[in-house]
C-alpha atoms as a PDB file:
ATOM      1  CA  UNK A   1      67.526 -67.419   0.405  1.00  0.00           C
ATOM      2  CA  UNK A   2      70.801 -65.725  -0.576  1.00  0.00           C
ATOM      3  CA  UNK A   3      71.930 -64.389  -3.961  1.00  0.00           C
ATOM      4  CA  UNK A   4      75.549 -64.438  -5.191  1.00  0.00           C
ATOM      5  CA  UNK A   5      76.502 -62.608  -8.386  1.00  0.00           C
ATOM      6  CA  UNK A   6      79.630 -63.404 -10.388  1.00  0.00           C
ATOM      7  CA  UNK A   7      80.848 -60.766 -12.867  1.00  0.00           C
ATOM      8  CA  UNK A   8      83.853 -60.326 -15.130  1.00  0.00           C
ATOM      9  CA  UNK A   9      84.974 -60.112 -18.721  1.00  0.00           C
ATOM     10  CA  UNK A  10      83.695 -62.514 -21.345  1.00  0.00           C
ATOM     11  CA  UNK A  11      85.879 -65.624 -21.054  1.00  0.00           C
ATOM     12  CA  UNK A  12      87.134 -64.771 -17.562  1.00  0.00           C
ATOM     13  CA  UNK A  13      85.830 -67.962 -15.952  1.00  0.00           C
ATOM     14  CA  UNK A  14      82.561 -66.698 -14.434  1.00  0.00           C
ATOM     15  CA  UNK A  15      80.551 -69.704 -15.519  1.00  0.00           C
ATOM     16  CA  UNK A  16      83.241 -72.172 -14.442  1.00  0.00           C
ATOM     17  CA  UNK A  17      83.278 -70.631 -10.965  1.00  0.00           C
ATOM     18  CA  UNK A  18      79.468 -70.488 -10.834  1.00  0.00           C
ATOM     19  CA  UNK A  19      79.199 -74.177 -11.760  1.00  0.00           C
ATOM     20  CA  UNK A  20      81.790 -75.073  -9.113  1.00  0.00           C
ATOM     21  CA  UNK A  21      79.812 -73.259  -6.400  1.00  0.00           C
ATOM     22  CA  UNK A  22      76.516 -74.664  -7.692  1.00  0.00           C
ATOM     23  CA  UNK A  23      77.839 -78.236  -7.704  1.00  0.00           C
ATOM     24  CA  UNK A  24      79.289 -77.775  -4.195  1.00  0.00           C
ATOM     25  CA  UNK A  25      76.115 -76.502  -2.521  1.00  0.00           C
ATOM     26  CA  UNK A  26      72.992 -78.661  -2.380  1.00  0.00           C
ATOM     27  CA  UNK A  27      69.687 -77.030  -3.403  1.00  0.00           C
ATOM     28  CA  UNK A  28      71.451 -74.112  -5.117  1.00  0.00           C
ATOM     29  CA  UNK A  29      70.184 -72.625  -8.376  1.00  0.00           C
ATOM     30  CA  UNK A  30      72.431 -71.401 -11.199  1.00  0.00           C
ATOM     31  CA  UNK A  31      71.256 -68.623 -13.555  1.00  0.00           C
ATOM     32  CA  UNK A  32      73.257 -67.049 -16.373  1.00  0.00           C
ATOM     33  CA  UNK A  33      72.583 -63.514 -17.589  1.00  0.00           C
ATOM     34  CA  UNK A  34      75.607 -63.308 -19.874  1.00  0.00           C
ATOM     35  CA  UNK A  35      74.059 -61.394 -22.773  1.00  0.00           C
ATOM     36  CA  UNK A  36      73.250 -57.827 -21.637  1.00  0.00           C
ATOM     37  CA  UNK A  37      71.465 -57.046 -24.932  1.00  0.00           C
ATOM     38  CA  UNK A  38      68.875 -59.724 -24.251  1.00  0.00           C
ATOM     39  CA  UNK A  39      68.496 -59.008 -20.547  1.00  0.00           C
ATOM     40  CA  UNK A  40      65.116 -57.869 -19.255  1.00  0.00           C
ATOM     41  CA  UNK A  41      66.221 -56.541 -15.854  1.00  0.00           C
ATOM     42  CA  UNK A  42      62.736 -55.780 -14.486  1.00  0.00           C
ATOM     43  CA  UNK A  43      61.638 -59.320 -15.444  1.00  0.00           C
ATOM     44  CA  UNK A  44      64.740 -60.833 -13.818  1.00  0.00           C
ATOM     45  CA  UNK A  45      64.116 -58.933 -10.588  1.00  0.00           C
ATOM     46  CA  UNK A  46      60.465 -60.058 -10.686  1.00  0.00           C
ATOM     47  CA  UNK A  47      61.577 -63.678 -11.076  1.00  0.00           C
ATOM     48  CA  UNK A  48      64.059 -63.385  -8.215  1.00  0.00           C
ATOM     49  CA  UNK A  49      61.306 -61.953  -6.037  1.00  0.00           C
ATOM     50  CA  UNK A  50      59.036 -64.881  -7.009  1.00  0.00           C
ATOM     51  CA  UNK A  51      61.799 -67.339  -6.159  1.00  0.00           C
ATOM     52  CA  UNK A  52      62.284 -65.748  -2.759  1.00  0.00           C
ATOM     53  CA  UNK A  53      58.545 -65.676  -1.994  1.00  0.00           C
ATOM     54  CA  UNK A  54      57.278 -68.999  -3.359  1.00  0.00           C
ATOM     55  CA  UNK A  55      60.353 -70.917  -4.525  1.00  0.00           C
ATOM     56  CA  UNK A  56      59.558 -70.988  -8.258  1.00  0.00           C
ATOM     57  CA  UNK A  57      59.427 -68.786 -11.360  1.00  0.00           C
ATOM     58  CA  UNK A  58      58.745 -69.264 -15.082  1.00  0.00           C
ATOM     59  CA  UNK A  59      61.839 -67.875 -16.835  1.00  0.00           C
ATOM     60  CA  UNK A  60      62.823 -67.411 -20.489  1.00  0.00           C
ATOM     61  CA  UNK A  61      65.406 -69.711 -22.076  1.00  0.00           C
ATOM     62  CA  UNK A  62      68.026 -67.863 -24.155  1.00  0.00           C
ATOM     63  CA  UNK A  63      69.582 -69.604 -27.156  1.00  0.00           C
ATOM     64  CA  UNK A  64      73.032 -68.190 -27.996  1.00  0.00           C
ATOM     65  CA  UNK A  65      73.037 -69.862 -31.418  1.00  0.00           C
ATOM     66  CA  UNK A  66      70.087 -67.719 -32.568  1.00  0.00           C
ATOM     67  CA  UNK A  67      70.621 -64.798 -30.125  1.00  0.00           C
ATOM     68  CA  UNK A  68      67.012 -64.880 -28.964  1.00  0.00           C
ATOM     69  CA  UNK A  69      64.618 -66.353 -26.427  1.00  0.00           C
ATOM     70  CA  UNK A  70      63.701 -69.936 -27.237  1.00  0.00           C
ATOM     71  CA  UNK A  71      60.845 -70.615 -24.828  1.00  0.00           C
ATOM     72  CA  UNK A  72      60.345 -70.718 -21.071  1.00  0.00           C
ATOM     73  CA  UNK A  73      61.016 -73.112 -18.229  1.00  0.00           C
ATOM     74  CA  UNK A  74      59.860 -73.277 -14.627  1.00  0.00           C
ATOM     75  CA  UNK A  75      62.717 -73.129 -12.155  1.00  0.00           C
ATOM     76  CA  UNK A  76      62.710 -73.866  -8.440  1.00  0.00           C
ATOM     77  CA  UNK A  77      64.939 -72.894  -5.551  1.00  0.00           C
ATOM     78  CA  UNK A  78      64.856 -73.043  -1.802  1.00  0.00           C
ATOM     79  CA  UNK A  79      68.535 -72.260  -1.282  1.00  0.00           C
ATOM     80  CA  UNK A  80      71.375 -70.232  -2.724  1.00  0.00           C
ATOM     81  CA  UNK A  81      70.932 -68.509  -6.111  1.00  0.00           C
ATOM     82  CA  UNK A  82      74.133 -68.079  -8.131  1.00  0.00           C
ATOM     83  CA  UNK A  83      73.924 -65.605 -11.018  1.00  0.00           C
ATOM     84  CA  UNK A  84      76.736 -65.132 -13.503  1.00  0.00           C
ATOM     85  CA  UNK A  85      76.923 -62.466 -16.163  1.00  0.00           C
ATOM     86  CA  UNK A  86      79.128 -59.724 -17.533  1.00  0.00           C
ATOM     87  CA  UNK A  87      77.447 -57.068 -15.398  1.00  0.00           C
ATOM     88  CA  UNK A  88      75.552 -59.243 -12.873  1.00  0.00           C
ATOM     89  CA  UNK A  89      77.097 -57.564  -9.835  1.00  0.00           C
ATOM     90  CA  UNK A  90      76.364 -54.010 -10.906  1.00  0.00           C
ATOM     91  CA  UNK A  91      72.896 -54.814 -12.281  1.00  0.00           C
ATOM     92  CA  UNK A  92      71.778 -56.686  -9.166  1.00  0.00           C
ATOM     93  CA  UNK A  93      73.768 -54.892  -6.474  1.00  0.00           C
ATOM     94  CA  UNK A  94      70.567 -53.791  -4.747  1.00  0.00           C
ATOM     95  CA  UNK A  95      69.384 -57.382  -4.166  1.00  0.00           C
ATOM     96  CA  UNK A  96      72.541 -59.532  -4.078  1.00  0.00           C
ATOM     97  CA  UNK A  97      74.122 -60.691  -0.850  1.00  0.00           C
ATOM     98  CA  UNK A  98      77.627 -61.248  -2.261  1.00  0.00           C
ATOM     99  CA  UNK A  99      79.234 -59.932  -5.452  1.00  0.00           C
ATOM    100  CA  UNK A 100      82.283 -61.697  -6.899  1.00  0.00           C
ATOM    101  CA  UNK A 101      84.390 -60.204  -9.719  1.00  0.00           C
ATOM    102  CA  UNK A 102      86.599 -62.609 -11.698  1.00  0.00           C
ATOM    103  CA  UNK A 103      89.667 -60.748 -12.933  1.00  0.00           C
ATOM    104  CA  UNK A 104      91.769 -62.336 -15.696  1.00  0.00           C
ATOM    105  CA  UNK A 105      94.166 -61.142 -18.384  1.00  0.00           C
ATOM    106  CA  UNK A 106      92.099 -60.018 -21.405  1.00  0.00           C
ATOM    107  CA  UNK A 107      94.268 -61.965 -23.871  1.00  0.00           C
ATOM    108  CA  UNK A 108      93.529 -65.192 -21.990  1.00  0.00           C
ATOM    109  CA  UNK A 109      89.836 -64.275 -21.787  1.00  0.00           C
ATOM    110  CA  UNK A 110      89.732 -63.701 -25.568  1.00  0.00           C
ATOM    111  CA  UNK A 111      91.374 -67.078 -26.263  1.00  0.00           C
ATOM    112  CA  UNK A 112      88.830 -68.764 -23.966  1.00  0.00           C
ATOM    113  CA  UNK A 113      85.972 -66.922 -25.689  1.00  0.00           C
ATOM    114  CA  UNK A 114      87.154 -67.960 -29.151  1.00  0.00           C
ATOM    115  CA  UNK A 115      87.457 -71.595 -28.065  1.00  0.00           C
ATOM    116  CA  UNK A 116      84.033 -71.598 -26.368  1.00  0.00           C
ATOM    117  CA  UNK A 117      82.167 -69.788 -29.127  1.00  0.00           C
ATOM    118  CA  UNK A 118      83.593 -71.939 -31.899  1.00  0.00           C
ATOM    119  CA  UNK A 119      83.015 -75.251 -30.073  1.00  0.00           C
ATOM    120  CA  UNK A 120      79.762 -74.597 -28.218  1.00  0.00           C
ATOM    121  CA  UNK A 121      78.030 -71.910 -30.278  1.00  0.00           C
ATOM    122  CA  UNK A 122      79.054 -72.920 -33.789  1.00  0.00           C
ATOM    123  CA  UNK A 123      80.657 -69.535 -34.501  1.00  0.00           C
ATOM    124  CA  UNK A 124      83.491 -68.802 -36.911  1.00  0.00           C
ATOM    125  CA  UNK A 125      86.761 -67.218 -35.840  1.00  0.00           C
ATOM    126  CA  UNK A 126      85.941 -64.147 -37.947  1.00  0.00           C
ATOM    127  CA  UNK A 127      82.502 -63.697 -36.326  1.00  0.00           C
ATOM    128  CA  UNK A 128      83.904 -64.064 -32.803  1.00  0.00           C
ATOM    129  CA  UNK A 129      86.770 -61.614 -33.324  1.00  0.00           C
ATOM    130  CA  UNK A 130      84.567 -59.115 -35.184  1.00  0.00           C
ATOM    131  CA  UNK A 131      81.997 -59.117 -32.345  1.00  0.00           C
ATOM    132  CA  UNK A 132      84.749 -58.941 -29.736  1.00  0.00           C
ATOM    133  CA  UNK A 133      86.368 -55.876 -31.309  1.00  0.00           C
ATOM    134  CA  UNK A 134      83.044 -54.171 -32.125  1.00  0.00           C
ATOM    135  CA  UNK A 135      81.072 -54.850 -28.927  1.00  0.00           C
ATOM    136  CA  UNK A 136      82.707 -56.961 -26.221  1.00  0.00           C
ATOM    137  CA  UNK A 137      86.043 -55.184 -25.704  1.00  0.00           C
ATOM    138  CA  UNK A 138      84.588 -51.629 -25.827  1.00  0.00           C
ATOM    139  CA  UNK A 139      81.804 -52.639 -23.404  1.00  0.00           C
ATOM    140  CA  UNK A 140      84.368 -54.088 -21.003  1.00  0.00           C
ATOM    141  CA  UNK A 141      86.305 -50.827 -20.867  1.00  0.00           C
ATOM    142  CA  UNK A 142      83.149 -48.716 -20.682  1.00  0.00           C
ATOM    143  CA  UNK A 143      81.296 -50.681 -17.991  1.00  0.00           C
ATOM    144  CA  UNK A 144      83.818 -52.813 -16.154  1.00  0.00           C
END
């Protein structure tokens, strides 16, 4: 079993690329770890170890609309694991087999983020831009 991580700025296209790879490779598993504040890295590494050893793990479901865990689901894999997230490559560099970084102009990434968050996460323009300026942009320059 191999692990690919896909990292980049919020709105860079990480998830689009991850879905493309996932849909192109039979028996692959897609995992998103796009909210670093909610990430339990030791638990994630435990789950990846379980997937490698027995092909299944019981993982938390994260709900972006409430910014919290919303239950658990059992996942299975016997092939490639594709993990996307802002810092997936750096957080999982010790266990990943390939790290991909998606580089895109930050203005385009912001426009994509606004569109996604308003359509898919029921956010207002003010809430998206306030969070972007307060947290997302500074974190990008600090960590990426």
